[in-house]
C-alpha cells in the first residue's frame, strides 16, 4: 500500500467519525420488525424521562440502549439536579426563591449565548419538575450542606452548586442554593438512575439493551423510524410519532473534539466525564436527518480545588503571575477559565497559615521565603507575582478585594513561607472536561434545521443537544435540563403520533 493510500484511509476514518450519518429512505424498507409510536435512543436521565413521559402521554414506547443497562453518564455523576423557584426543599432549608430570580442567575451563569427561551421554560417549570421527580421515586431530604461546589458527603438535600454566593452573581440575583441532592450519601448519580429506572420498569415501555442505532429512517423528510442492531441483526423500527435522540455528547470522539472543541483534548484523557458511548453518534444521526448543531465549541471542565471551601483563601494565578478569577467562585467556572482562557497553565499560591490537603490530595509543589524566590522556582515573572501578592495583601488587610471581589471570609493576607501548587493541565491536577454543544432544539425538544424549523418526527434532549448551559455552567444543570427537556421530548413525540 502506498503512503498516499494510507493517508487516504486515515482521512476516510476521520470523516467517518465526524460526518453526519445518512438516514435510510423508508422506500428501502421491505419489512418493519418493530412498530411503535415513539422510539427513544439512549437511557441516561434524558432518555429515561422521555420514555416515561411519552408512555404517560398515551404513546406506545420502545427504548434502545447501547450499553448493557440504562444509566449512562448520568449514573456516574454526582447526582446534583439544578432546581429552584421555591421548591419544598429550598423552603424547608429556609430559603426563598422565585422563578424570576433563578432565571436572572442562570442567564448570566450559563452564558454567554444561553438559550433564553429554554432558560425561561426551565425556571418556570422547575418546581413542577421537582414534584415530578419526587412522584417518580426520587427522594430529597430537607437539609442544607454548607460545603459548596460538589454533592454533599451526607444525604443532605441542598447545596450551592454554581457560585450563586460569589461575585458577580451575588450582585445579579438574590443568593439562593439550588443544587438538589437525592437522599443518598455522597455521589448519588447511580441512586438517582436506580430510582428513575425503577419508575420506567413500572411502565409498559419495551427496553432493548446492547442495541446500537445505526441509522434513522425518513420518509419525504420526516423521521419515521430507525435501524437498530441487536444480536447481530439489523431491525427496522417504525415510530409513527417519531424518534427521540438522547445518546450523550461527544467527549470520547477524538476526531469530533479535534474539529469542534480542541480544548477538551488537553487534559489527561482518563478524567473525561462520560462513557465510551459519548461518541457523538446521536448528534450525527440528527444531523443526517436534517438537524443543525450549535455551540459545538462549548466545553465545561471541573477542577476540584475544594472541599474544603477554605482553600478559596489561596490565590490562583496564570503563567503571567496575575490572578484571573475570584477564588471563592464555583470550581467548574474556575476549571473552564483555567482550561480555555489560561490554556491550562495555572498555579495556586498559598501560605503555611492557610494550606491544607484537599479531598483529592492536592499538595504543595514549590516553597520559598519570598514571592520572588517562589516565582523563580515555578518559572513565573518575579515582579508580577510579587506585585500580585503585595496588592492582594494590602487590600485583604482591610477585608476588601477590589480586583476580583472575593468575599471577606476568604480574604487572608499571605505570609511567608509561601507555597505554590502545580495546577497545570499536564500535571497531576484533575481537569475533567465534557462537551456542551449538540443538536439545536426548541423548548419543546423538537430538533431544528438550519432555517430554525422543526425536523418532522425528530426530537432530542440531554447532552446530544445544546442545552441550557452555553459557555458557562452550574453543577446539576445537565441532569436538570436533561430530565426536564427529556420529559418535554416524550410529550411532544407522543402528541405527534
Protein backbone atom coordinates (compact mmCIF):
# COMPACT_ATOMS: atom_id res chain seq x y z
CA UNK A 1 0.00 0.00 0.00
CA UNK A 2 1.36 3.43 -0.92
CA UNK A 3 1.77 6.32 1.52
CA UNK A 4 -0.97 8.21 -0.30
CA UNK A 5 -3.34 5.23 0.08
CA UNK A 6 -2.60 5.09 3.81
CA UNK A 7 -3.25 8.80 4.19
CA UNK A 8 -6.46 8.45 2.24
CA UNK A 9 -7.70 5.66 4.50
CA UNK A 10 -6.81 7.68 7.59
CA UNK A 11 -8.69 10.67 6.21
CA UNK A 12 -11.71 8.47 5.46
CA UNK A 13 -11.66 7.13 9.01
CA UNK A 14 -11.65 10.64 10.43
CA UNK A 15 -14.52 11.66 8.18
CA UNK A 16 -16.47 8.54 9.22
CA UNK A 17 -16.19 9.61 12.85
CA UNK A 18 -17.27 13.21 12.25
CA UNK A 19 -19.69 13.45 9.35
CA UNK A 20 -23.49 13.22 9.63
CA UNK A 21 -24.88 9.68 9.41
CA UNK A 22 -27.10 9.48 6.35
CA UNK A 23 -30.61 8.15 7.02
CA UNK A 24 -32.26 5.25 5.24
CA UNK A 25 -35.19 6.08 2.99
CA UNK A 26 -38.41 4.35 4.01
CA UNK A 27 -38.89 3.15 0.44
CA UNK A 28 -35.95 0.78 1.01
CA UNK A 29 -37.58 -0.90 4.00
CA UNK A 30 -39.20 -4.17 2.94
CA UNK A 31 -40.38 -5.18 6.40
CA UNK A 32 -40.90 -3.43 9.73
CA UNK A 33 -39.63 -5.64 12.55
CA UNK A 34 -40.99 -3.44 15.35
CA UNK A 35 -43.83 -0.93 15.19
CA UNK A 36 -44.45 1.66 17.89
CA UNK A 37 -45.49 5.26 18.42
CA UNK A 38 -42.24 6.61 19.89
CA UNK A 39 -38.68 5.31 19.76
CA UNK A 40 -36.17 6.56 22.33
CA UNK A 41 -32.42 6.31 21.70
CA UNK A 42 -30.38 6.17 24.92
CA UNK A 43 -31.43 5.59 28.53
CA UNK A 44 -29.49 8.06 30.58
CA UNK A 45 -31.60 10.51 32.55
CA UNK A 46 -32.88 12.31 29.43
CA UNK A 47 -33.97 9.16 27.61
CA UNK A 48 -35.43 7.54 30.72
CA UNK A 49 -37.55 10.60 31.48
CA UNK A 50 -38.53 10.87 27.81
CA UNK A 51 -39.69 7.26 27.71
CA UNK A 52 -41.70 7.59 30.94
CA UNK A 53 -43.27 10.86 29.79
CA UNK A 54 -44.20 9.56 26.34
CA UNK A 55 -45.81 6.49 27.91
CA UNK A 56 -47.75 8.60 30.40
CA UNK A 57 -48.97 10.73 27.49
CA UNK A 58 -50.57 7.65 25.98
CA UNK A 59 -47.96 6.50 23.48
CA UNK A 60 -46.53 3.07 22.84
CA UNK A 61 -42.80 3.41 23.50
CA UNK A 62 -39.73 1.35 22.62
CA UNK A 63 -36.33 2.37 24.01
CA UNK A 64 -32.91 1.38 22.69
CA UNK A 65 -29.87 1.48 24.98
CA UNK A 66 -26.43 0.89 23.53
CA UNK A 67 -24.99 -0.34 26.84
CA UNK A 68 -25.85 -3.45 28.79
CA UNK A 69 -28.18 -1.43 31.05
CA UNK A 70 -29.61 2.05 31.33
CA UNK A 71 -27.96 4.85 33.29
CA UNK A 72 -25.23 6.15 31.00
CA UNK A 73 -23.11 9.05 32.20
CA UNK A 74 -25.98 10.13 34.46
CA UNK A 75 -25.39 7.09 36.68
CA UNK A 76 -21.71 8.05 37.06
CA UNK A 77 -22.47 11.64 38.06
CA UNK A 78 -22.58 13.25 41.48
CA UNK A 79 -26.36 13.27 41.20
CA UNK A 80 -26.97 17.00 41.72
CA UNK A 81 -30.05 18.35 39.95
CA UNK A 82 -30.28 22.12 39.49
CA UNK A 83 -33.78 23.11 40.61
CA UNK A 84 -35.28 26.24 42.12
CA UNK A 85 -38.06 28.77 42.06
CA UNK A 86 -39.22 27.78 45.53
CA UNK A 87 -39.01 24.00 45.80
CA UNK A 88 -40.16 22.32 49.05
CA UNK A 89 -36.52 21.55 49.86
CA UNK A 90 -35.50 25.19 49.48
CA UNK A 91 -38.35 26.23 51.75
CA UNK A 92 -37.52 23.51 54.30
CA UNK A 93 -33.96 24.83 54.47
CA UNK A 94 -35.15 28.43 55.00
CA UNK A 95 -34.51 29.84 51.51
CA UNK A 96 -36.93 31.91 49.45
CA UNK A 97 -36.60 31.70 45.69
CA UNK A 98 -38.65 32.62 42.63
CA UNK A 99 -38.57 31.51 39.02
CA UNK A 100 -37.59 35.04 38.03
CA UNK A 101 -34.67 35.11 40.46
CA UNK A 102 -33.48 31.74 39.22
CA UNK A 103 -33.76 32.93 35.63
CA UNK A 104 -31.63 36.02 36.26
CA UNK A 105 -28.91 33.84 37.70
CA UNK A 106 -28.95 31.13 35.02
CA UNK A 107 -28.90 33.55 32.09
CA UNK A 108 -25.69 35.03 33.47
CA UNK A 109 -24.03 31.89 34.86
CA UNK A 110 -24.74 29.71 31.80
CA UNK A 111 -23.86 32.42 29.28
CA UNK A 112 -22.77 34.00 27.16
CA UNK A 113 -25.22 32.89 24.48
CA UNK A 114 -27.51 30.98 26.86
CA UNK A 115 -30.78 29.99 25.20
CA UNK A 116 -33.17 32.45 26.86
CA UNK A 117 -36.31 30.58 25.81
CA UNK A 118 -35.08 27.31 27.31
CA UNK A 119 -33.88 29.01 30.47
CA UNK A 120 -37.27 30.68 30.89
CA UNK A 121 -39.19 27.44 30.35
CA UNK A 122 -36.93 25.57 32.74
CA UNK A 123 -37.19 28.12 35.53
CA UNK A 124 -40.95 28.47 35.20
CA UNK A 125 -41.36 24.71 35.31
CA UNK A 126 -38.73 23.93 37.95
CA UNK A 127 -40.98 23.40 40.97
CA UNK A 128 -43.34 21.20 38.96
CA UNK A 129 -40.34 19.25 37.70
CA UNK A 130 -39.13 18.72 41.27
CA UNK A 131 -42.55 17.35 42.15
CA UNK A 132 -42.49 15.06 39.09
CA UNK A 133 -39.15 13.61 40.17
CA UNK A 134 -40.43 13.01 43.69
CA UNK A 135 -43.61 11.43 42.33
CA UNK A 136 -41.40 9.07 40.30
CA UNK A 137 -39.43 7.84 43.26
CA UNK A 138 -36.57 10.33 43.75
CA UNK A 139 -36.41 11.37 47.45
CA UNK A 140 -34.85 14.57 48.80
CA UNK A 141 -34.06 15.44 52.42
CA UNK A 142 -34.77 18.93 53.74
CA UNK A 143 -31.26 19.59 54.98
CA UNK A 144 -28.68 22.14 53.79
CA UNK A 145 -24.98 21.37 53.31
CA UNK A 146 -22.71 24.42 53.62
CA UNK A 147 -19.81 22.90 51.63
CA UNK A 148 -20.42 24.14 48.07
CA UNK A 149 -19.46 23.07 44.56
CA UNK A 150 -19.94 19.33 44.86
CA UNK A 151 -22.55 16.90 46.13
CA UNK A 152 -22.78 16.68 49.94
CA UNK A 153 -20.92 13.78 51.52
CA UNK A 154 -24.08 13.17 53.58
CA UNK A 155 -27.61 12.65 52.31
CA UNK A 156 -28.40 16.37 52.71
CA UNK A 157 -30.72 17.64 50.01
CA UNK A 158 -29.49 21.15 49.16
CA UNK A 159 -26.21 22.98 48.49
CA UNK A 160 -24.73 25.85 46.50
CA UNK A 161 -23.58 24.40 43.19
CA UNK A 162 -22.91 27.23 40.78
CA UNK A 163 -21.28 30.21 42.50
CA UNK A 164 -24.62 31.76 43.45
CA UNK A 165 -22.98 33.13 46.61
CA UNK A 166 -19.96 34.69 44.88
CA UNK A 167 -19.22 37.62 42.57
CA UNK A 168 -20.57 38.60 40.10
CA UNK A 169 -23.69 36.50 40.62
CA UNK A 170 -24.41 37.80 44.12
CA UNK A 171 -24.89 41.23 42.53
CA UNK A 172 -27.26 39.92 39.84
CA UNK A 173 -29.69 37.71 41.74
CA UNK A 174 -30.67 37.01 45.33
CA UNK A 175 -28.30 34.42 46.78
CA UNK A 176 -30.12 31.08 46.92
CA UNK A 177 -28.78 27.49 46.70
CA UNK A 178 -30.32 25.26 44.04
CA UNK A 179 -28.19 22.12 43.93
CA UNK A 180 -30.74 19.40 44.83
CA UNK A 181 -29.09 16.21 46.03
CA UNK A 182 -31.11 12.96 46.16
CA UNK A 183 -31.32 11.42 49.62
CA UNK A 184 -28.25 9.23 49.34
CA UNK A 185 -24.79 9.75 50.88
CA UNK A 186 -22.18 11.46 48.67
CA UNK A 187 -22.18 10.58 44.96
CA UNK A 188 -25.82 9.96 44.12
CA UNK A 189 -25.99 9.58 40.33
CA UNK A 190 -26.29 5.80 40.48
CA UNK A 191 -29.01 6.02 43.11
CA UNK A 192 -30.88 8.66 41.08
CA UNK A 193 -30.88 6.45 38.00
CA UNK A 194 -31.96 3.42 40.05
CA UNK A 195 -34.99 5.43 41.15
CA UNK A 196 -35.91 6.53 37.64
CA UNK A 197 -35.12 3.15 36.08
CA UNK A 198 -37.45 1.67 38.68
CA UNK A 199 -40.16 4.10 37.59
CA UNK A 200 -39.56 3.13 33.96
CA UNK A 201 -39.85 -0.56 34.83
CA UNK A 202 -43.37 0.06 36.15
CA UNK A 203 -44.49 1.20 32.71
CA UNK A 204 -45.16 -0.82 29.55
CA UNK A 205 -42.14 0.67 27.75
CA UNK A 206 -40.24 -2.03 25.86
CA UNK A 207 -36.49 -1.73 26.52
CA UNK A 208 -33.75 -3.19 24.31
CA UNK A 209 -30.20 -3.13 25.70
CA UNK A 210 -26.96 -3.79 23.81
CA UNK A 211 -28.81 -2.14 20.95
CA UNK A 212 -26.89 0.25 18.70
CA UNK A 213 -28.91 2.57 16.48
CA UNK A 214 -27.24 2.54 13.08
CA UNK A 215 -29.42 4.93 11.07
CA UNK A 216 -32.62 6.89 11.21
CA UNK A 217 -35.34 6.18 8.65
CA UNK A 218 -37.02 9.04 6.79
CA UNK A 219 -40.00 9.36 4.53
CA UNK A 220 -40.21 12.55 2.46
CA UNK A 221 -38.09 14.41 5.03
CA UNK A 222 -39.96 13.09 8.06
CA UNK A 223 -38.25 10.81 10.57
CA UNK A 224 -40.43 7.71 10.81
CA UNK A 225 -38.17 5.18 12.47
CA UNK A 226 -34.68 3.78 12.92
CA UNK A 227 -32.42 0.84 12.23
CA UNK A 228 -31.16 -0.86 15.40
CA UNK A 229 -28.52 -3.57 15.50
CA UNK A 230 -29.45 -6.15 18.13
CA UNK A 231 -27.79 -9.57 18.48
CA UNK A 232 -26.02 -9.12 15.17
CA UNK A 233 -29.20 -8.30 13.23
CA UNK A 234 -30.43 -5.01 11.82
CA UNK A 235 -34.01 -4.45 12.92
CA UNK A 236 -36.18 -1.87 11.20
CA UNK A 237 -38.29 0.02 13.71
CA UNK A 238 -41.27 2.12 12.68
CA UNK A 239 -42.14 5.01 15.04
CA UNK A 240 -45.25 6.90 13.93
CA UNK A 241 -44.75 9.72 16.43
CA UNK A 242 -41.04 10.00 15.85
CA UNK A 243 -37.62 9.33 17.34
CA UNK A 244 -36.09 10.94 20.44
CA UNK A 245 -32.29 11.15 20.47
CA UNK A 246 -30.80 11.06 23.99
CA UNK A 247 -27.48 9.40 23.21
CA UNK A 248 -24.99 11.62 25.05
CA UNK A 249 -22.29 14.06 23.98
CA UNK A 250 -19.01 13.56 22.11
CA UNK A 251 -16.27 13.74 24.74
CA UNK A 252 -15.00 10.29 23.64
CA UNK A 253 -14.83 11.08 19.92
CA UNK A 254 -11.27 12.27 19.31
CA UNK A 255 -11.98 13.44 15.77
CA UNK A 256 -15.05 15.48 16.75
CA UNK A 257 -13.12 17.05 19.62
CA UNK A 258 -10.27 17.99 17.30
CA UNK A 259 -12.67 19.60 14.84
CA UNK A 260 -15.06 21.37 17.20
CA UNK A 261 -13.68 21.52 20.73
CA UNK A 262 -9.88 21.08 20.84
CA UNK A 263 -9.59 22.46 24.39
CA UNK A 264 -11.13 19.22 25.64
CA UNK A 265 -8.19 17.27 24.22
CA UNK A 266 -5.70 18.98 26.53
CA UNK A 267 -6.46 17.19 29.82
CA UNK A 268 -5.31 13.66 30.54
CA UNK A 269 -7.98 11.55 28.87
CA UNK A 270 -8.72 9.42 31.95
CA UNK A 271 -10.57 12.34 33.52
CA UNK A 272 -13.06 12.95 30.72
CA UNK A 273 -16.62 12.96 32.03
CA UNK A 274 -18.67 10.38 30.17
CA UNK A 275 -18.67 6.82 28.92
CA UNK A 276 -17.30 5.30 25.72
CA UNK A 277 -20.77 5.71 24.24
CA UNK A 278 -20.42 9.52 24.46
CA UNK A 279 -19.02 9.44 20.95
CA UNK A 280 -21.35 11.91 19.22
CA UNK A 281 -23.38 9.27 17.42
CA UNK A 282 -26.73 10.75 18.41
CA UNK A 283 -25.66 14.17 17.18
CA UNK A 284 -24.50 12.76 13.85
CA UNK A 285 -27.73 10.80 13.41
CA UNK A 286 -29.67 14.00 13.95
CA UNK A 287 -27.52 15.93 11.50
CA UNK A 288 -28.02 13.27 8.87
CA UNK A 289 -31.79 13.69 9.13
CA UNK A 290 -31.58 17.44 8.62
CA UNK A 291 -30.90 18.75 12.13
CA UNK A 292 -28.42 21.50 12.77
CA UNK A 293 -25.95 21.86 15.62
CA UNK A 294 -24.95 24.81 17.76
CA UNK A 295 -22.22 25.73 20.25
CA UNK A 296 -20.12 22.71 19.31
CA UNK A 297 -17.05 24.51 20.66
CA UNK A 298 -18.53 24.79 24.14
CA UNK A 299 -16.92 22.77 26.92
CA UNK A 300 -17.17 22.54 30.69
CA UNK A 301 -14.28 21.46 32.87
CA UNK A 302 -14.32 20.57 36.54
CA UNK A 303 -11.16 21.41 38.51
CA UNK A 304 -11.64 20.26 42.10
CA UNK A 305 -9.87 22.73 44.40
CA UNK A 306 -12.19 22.06 47.35
CA UNK A 307 -13.59 20.81 49.57
CA UNK A 308 -12.77 22.27 51.91
CA UNK A 309 -14.00 25.58 50.55
CA UNK A 310 -11.47 27.21 52.87
CA UNK A 311 -8.95 26.67 50.05
CA UNK A 312 -10.57 29.71 48.41
CA UNK A 313 -8.33 31.77 50.71
CA UNK A 314 -5.47 30.97 48.32
CA UNK A 315 -4.66 32.84 45.12
CA UNK A 316 -4.93 31.44 41.61
CA UNK A 317 -2.53 32.88 39.03
CA UNK A 318 -1.76 32.22 35.40
CA UNK A 319 1.62 31.98 33.71
CA UNK A 320 1.83 35.79 33.84
CA UNK A 321 1.81 35.71 37.63
CA UNK A 322 -1.55 37.52 37.80
CA UNK A 323 -4.94 36.49 39.18
CA UNK A 324 -7.63 35.65 36.64
CA UNK A 325 -10.71 34.91 38.77
CA UNK A 326 -12.16 35.21 42.27
CA UNK A 327 -11.05 32.05 44.04
CA UNK A 328 -14.29 31.63 46.01
CA UNK A 329 -16.44 31.11 42.91
CA UNK A 330 -17.80 27.84 41.54
CA UNK A 331 -14.91 25.46 40.82
CA UNK A 332 -16.42 24.50 37.46
CA UNK A 333 -16.13 28.15 36.48
CA UNK A 334 -12.53 28.14 37.64
CA UNK A 335 -11.83 24.98 35.64
CA UNK A 336 -13.36 26.42 32.48
CA UNK A 337 -11.39 29.64 32.77
CA UNK A 338 -8.22 27.72 33.55
CA UNK A 339 -8.58 25.39 30.57
CA UNK A 340 -9.94 27.80 27.95
CA UNK A 341 -8.64 31.25 28.90
CA UNK A 342 -5.37 30.27 30.60
CA UNK A 343 -4.61 27.34 28.28
CA UNK A 344 -4.36 25.03 31.25
CA UNK A 345 -1.40 26.77 32.88
CA UNK A 346 -2.33 27.95 36.38
CA UNK A 347 -0.90 27.76 39.89
CA UNK A 348 -2.33 28.07 43.39
CA UNK A 349 -0.37 30.34 45.72
CA UNK A 350 -0.71 29.60 49.45
CA UNK A 351 0.97 30.35 52.74
CA UNK A 352 1.60 27.96 55.59
CA UNK A 353 -1.23 29.56 57.57
CA UNK A 354 -3.96 28.61 55.10
CA UNK A 355 -2.73 25.47 53.38
CA UNK A 356 -4.37 22.10 53.92
CA UNK A 357 -4.63 18.99 51.80
CA UNK A 358 -7.94 18.98 49.94
CA UNK A 359 -10.18 15.99 49.27
CA UNK A 360 -8.23 14.93 46.15
CA UNK A 361 -4.86 15.11 47.95
CA UNK A 362 -3.56 18.36 46.43
CA UNK A 363 -0.09 19.19 47.85
CA UNK A 364 2.49 21.96 47.65
CA UNK A 365 4.92 21.62 44.75
CA UNK A 366 7.29 24.52 45.47
CA UNK A 367 8.04 26.55 48.63
CA UNK A 368 10.11 29.69 49.26
CA UNK A 369 10.56 32.55 51.71
CA UNK A 370 9.81 35.36 49.25
CA UNK A 371 7.47 35.80 46.27
CA UNK A 372 10.49 36.44 44.05
CA UNK A 373 12.16 33.19 45.07
CA UNK A 374 8.91 31.30 44.61
CA UNK A 375 8.44 32.80 41.15
CA UNK A 376 11.96 31.75 40.17
CA UNK A 377 11.30 28.17 41.28
CA UNK A 378 7.97 27.97 39.47
CA UNK A 379 9.07 29.86 36.37
CA UNK A 380 6.76 32.86 36.75
CA UNK A 381 7.63 36.54 36.23
CA UNK A 382 9.07 37.54 39.61
CA UNK A 383 7.94 41.18 39.55
CA UNK A 384 4.40 40.25 38.52
CA UNK A 385 3.92 37.61 41.20
CA UNK A 386 5.39 39.85 43.90
CA UNK A 387 3.10 42.68 42.85
CA UNK A 388 0.07 40.36 42.79
CA UNK A 389 0.71 39.15 46.33
CA UNK A 390 1.54 42.61 47.69
CA UNK A 391 -1.60 44.21 46.23
CA UNK A 392 -3.79 41.36 47.43
CA UNK A 393 -2.33 41.50 50.94
CA UNK A 394 -2.78 45.26 51.16
CA UNK A 395 -6.48 45.05 50.41
CA UNK A 396 -7.05 41.82 52.35
CA UNK A 397 -5.85 43.57 55.50
CA UNK A 398 -8.90 45.83 55.09
CA UNK A 399 -11.26 42.99 54.14
CA UNK A 400 -11.61 44.09 50.51
CA UNK A 401 -10.76 42.71 47.06
CA UNK A 402 -11.36 45.50 44.54
CA UNK A 403 -9.96 43.48 41.64
CA UNK A 404 -11.98 40.24 41.92
CA UNK A 405 -14.42 40.90 44.79
CA UNK A 406 -13.74 37.76 46.79
CA UNK A 407 -15.95 37.54 49.85
CA UNK A 408 -14.40 38.86 53.11
CA UNK A 409 -14.50 35.43 54.80
CA UNK A 410 -11.84 34.27 52.35
CA UNK A 411 -9.59 37.32 52.44
CA UNK A 412 -6.50 36.33 54.43
CA UNK A 413 -3.13 38.01 53.71
CA UNK A 414 -0.45 35.56 52.57
CA UNK A 415 2.63 35.42 54.82
CA UNK A 416 5.98 33.68 54.34
CA UNK A 417 6.86 30.95 53.80
CA UNK A 418 4.93 30.78 50.54
CA UNK A 419 3.92 27.72 48.56
CA UNK A 420 2.76 27.04 45.03
CA UNK A 421 0.64 24.10 43.90
CA UNK A 422 1.06 22.96 40.31
CA UNK A 423 -2.38 23.02 38.68
CA UNK A 424 -1.22 22.88 35.09
CA UNK A 425 -3.20 20.67 32.78
CA UNK A 426 -0.18 18.43 32.13
CA UNK A 427 0.47 17.96 35.86
CA UNK A 428 -1.37 15.59 38.19
CA UNK A 429 -4.18 18.11 38.65
CA UNK A 430 -7.65 16.82 37.80
CA UNK A 431 -9.17 18.53 34.77
CA UNK A 432 -12.44 16.76 33.97
CA UNK A 433 -13.97 18.11 30.72
CA UNK A 434 -17.18 17.29 28.88
CA UNK A 435 -18.87 18.77 25.82
CA UNK A 436 -21.89 21.09 25.91
CA UNK A 437 -22.67 21.53 22.22
CA UNK A 438 -25.04 19.45 20.14
CA UNK A 439 -28.27 19.43 18.19
CA UNK A 440 -30.25 22.64 18.27
CA UNK A 441 -33.69 22.16 19.81
CA UNK A 442 -36.59 24.37 20.84
CA UNK A 443 -38.15 24.39 24.34
CA UNK A 444 -40.45 21.53 23.32
CA UNK A 445 -37.41 19.45 22.28
CA UNK A 446 -38.03 19.45 18.54
CA UNK A 447 -34.75 19.19 16.63
CA UNK A 448 -34.40 22.25 14.39
CA UNK A 449 -32.99 22.51 10.89
CA UNK A 450 -30.71 25.26 9.59
CA UNK A 451 -33.70 27.55 8.95
CA UNK A 452 -34.96 27.14 12.52
CA UNK A 453 -37.89 24.92 11.54
CA UNK A 454 -38.53 21.60 13.31
CA UNK A 455 -37.35 18.45 11.57
CA UNK A 456 -40.61 16.46 11.36
CA UNK A 457 -40.62 13.46 13.67
CA UNK A 458 -37.27 14.19 15.33
CA UNK A 459 -36.77 15.16 18.98
CA UNK A 460 -33.77 15.25 21.30
CA UNK A 461 -32.67 16.01 24.84
CA UNK A 462 -29.67 15.73 27.13
CA UNK A 463 -26.04 16.05 26.05
CA UNK A 464 -26.96 15.17 22.45
CA UNK A 465 -28.33 18.71 22.36
CA UNK A 466 -27.09 22.18 23.16
CA UNK A 467 -28.98 22.59 26.41
CA UNK A 468 -29.27 25.42 28.91
CA UNK A 469 -25.52 25.67 29.54
CA UNK A 470 -23.83 27.62 26.76
CA UNK A 471 -20.31 28.85 27.57
CA UNK A 472 -20.89 28.74 31.32
CA UNK A 473 -22.07 26.02 33.64
CA UNK A 474 -23.51 25.19 37.06
CA UNK A 475 -23.38 21.76 38.67
CA UNK A 476 -26.68 19.97 38.32
CA UNK A 477 -27.82 21.61 35.10
CA UNK A 478 -27.00 18.59 32.91
CA UNK A 479 -29.22 16.28 34.97
CA UNK A 480 -31.71 19.12 35.35
CA UNK A 481 -32.24 20.09 31.74
CA UNK A 482 -31.73 16.52 30.55
CA UNK A 483 -34.60 15.25 32.68
CA UNK A 484 -36.79 18.32 32.10
CA UNK A 485 -36.42 18.52 28.33
CA UNK A 486 -36.42 14.73 28.10
CA UNK A 487 -39.93 14.85 29.58
CA UNK A 488 -40.88 17.53 27.05
CA UNK A 489 -39.47 15.44 24.21
CA UNK A 490 -41.58 12.49 25.32
CA UNK A 491 -44.73 14.60 25.46
CA UNK A 492 -44.03 16.21 22.08
CA UNK A 493 -43.39 12.89 20.34
CA UNK A 494 -46.44 11.26 21.95
CA UNK A 495 -48.68 14.05 20.73
CA UNK A 496 -47.12 13.76 17.28
CA UNK A 497 -48.32 10.18 16.64
